[in-house]
Amino acid sequence: MRKQNSKSARRVNTGALTEITEKAIRDMPYIEMLGGGEAVVDGCKGVLEYTEDTIALNAGACVLRFQGKNLTIRAYSENQTEIYGDIRSVEFK
């Protein structure tokens, strides 16, 4: 029985791995939280719900639900959404 070369046993198709990683990143939102009072979301596809206590965003691969008090959307564009207020929780569905 011949021993396998350890280098060939560890060889991985990095092209396929990179493609999977890039797709996952493209389909997922990027969120920055600044304390409990500001959230910046990249990758928002639309607003699903907007009240003083709840803001739900279509983020493509998931729905983001921000809950808190006095929530407002201060900026909304095709690329970025900025939420302000007393953010108490963020839910991913």
Protein backbone atom coordinates (compact mmCIF):
# COMPACT_ATOMS: atom_id res chain seq x y z
CA MET A 1 0.00 0.00 0.00
CA ARG A 2 1.37 3.39 -1.00
CA LYS A 3 1.29 6.37 1.36
CA GLN A 4 -0.51 9.43 -0.05
CA ASN A 5 1.45 12.59 -0.49
CA SER A 6 0.27 14.95 2.28
CA LYS A 7 0.30 17.98 -0.04
CA SER A 8 -2.05 16.39 -2.56
CA ALA A 9 -4.36 15.19 0.20
CA ARG A 10 -4.82 18.78 1.39
CA ARG A 11 -5.37 20.30 -2.03
CA VAL A 12 -8.58 22.34 -2.21
CA ASN A 13 -10.25 23.94 -5.20
CA THR A 14 -9.92 27.54 -4.03
CA GLY A 15 -11.65 28.90 -7.13
CA ALA A 16 -14.92 27.20 -6.18
CA LEU A 17 -14.48 28.22 -2.54
CA THR A 18 -13.93 31.87 -3.52
CA GLU A 19 -17.02 31.81 -5.73
CA ILE A 20 -19.17 30.42 -2.89
CA THR A 21 -17.78 32.99 -0.43
CA GLU A 22 -18.39 35.90 -2.82
CA LYS A 23 -21.98 34.76 -3.44
CA ALA A 24 -22.64 34.46 0.29
CA ILE A 25 -21.24 37.93 0.91
CA ARG A 26 -23.27 39.46 -1.94
CA ASP A 27 -26.52 37.93 -0.66
CA MET A 28 -26.02 38.92 2.99
CA PRO A 29 -26.48 42.39 4.44
CA TYR A 30 -23.59 44.26 6.01
CA ILE A 31 -24.59 45.92 9.29
CA GLU A 32 -22.70 48.44 11.41
CA MET A 33 -24.06 49.19 14.87
CA LEU A 34 -22.88 52.34 16.58
CA GLY A 35 -23.86 51.94 20.20
CA GLY A 36 -27.56 51.33 20.67
CA GLY A 37 -28.65 54.40 18.78
CA GLU A 38 -27.58 53.94 15.17
CA ALA A 39 -27.46 51.13 12.63
CA VAL A 40 -26.21 51.36 9.06
CA VAL A 41 -27.33 48.54 6.74
CA ASP A 42 -25.79 47.91 3.33
CA GLY A 43 -27.67 45.55 1.06
CA CYS A 44 -31.23 46.58 1.92
CA LYS A 45 -33.70 45.68 -0.84
CA GLY A 46 -36.71 47.45 0.69
CA VAL A 47 -38.64 48.45 3.81
CA LEU A 48 -41.25 45.89 4.89
CA GLU A 49 -42.47 47.53 8.10
CA TYR A 50 -41.89 50.98 9.57
CA THR A 51 -43.33 52.04 12.91
CA GLU A 52 -41.93 53.91 15.89
CA ASP A 53 -41.16 50.58 17.60
CA THR A 54 -40.27 48.28 14.66
CA ILE A 55 -38.41 48.59 11.37
CA ALA A 56 -38.23 45.50 9.16
CA LEU A 57 -35.97 45.47 6.10
CA ASN A 58 -35.82 43.06 3.19
CA ALA A 59 -32.13 42.19 3.07
CA GLY A 60 -32.30 39.67 0.24
CA ALA A 61 -31.22 36.48 1.99
CA CYS A 62 -33.05 37.42 5.20
CA VAL A 63 -35.38 39.89 6.88
CA LEU A 64 -33.82 42.22 9.45
CA ARG A 65 -36.15 43.39 12.20
CA PHE A 66 -35.01 46.24 14.45
CA GLN A 67 -37.04 46.77 17.60
CA GLY A 68 -36.82 49.60 20.09
CA LYS A 69 -38.25 53.05 20.79
CA ASN A 70 -38.45 56.19 18.65
CA LEU A 71 -36.99 54.39 15.61
CA THR A 72 -36.59 56.41 12.43
CA ILE A 73 -35.06 55.90 9.02
CA ARG A 74 -32.89 58.96 8.47
CA ALA A 75 -31.45 57.91 5.13
CA TYR A 76 -32.57 55.35 2.58
CA SER A 77 -31.00 54.62 -0.76
CA GLU A 78 -30.52 51.69 -3.08
CA ASN A 79 -27.22 50.92 -1.31
CA GLN A 80 -27.65 51.92 2.32
CA THR A 81 -30.25 52.43 5.05
CA GLU A 82 -29.57 54.36 8.27
CA ILE A 83 -31.73 53.68 11.32
CA TYR A 84 -31.68 55.86 14.42
CA GLY A 85 -33.38 55.61 17.79
CA ASP A 86 -33.19 53.48 20.91
CA ILE A 87 -32.41 50.12 19.24
CA ARG A 88 -33.09 47.30 21.72
CA SER A 89 -32.79 44.25 19.46
CA VAL A 90 -32.00 43.07 15.94
CA GLU A 91 -33.58 39.89 14.62
CA PHE A 92 -32.53 37.90 11.55
CA LYS A 93 -35.22 35.77 9.89
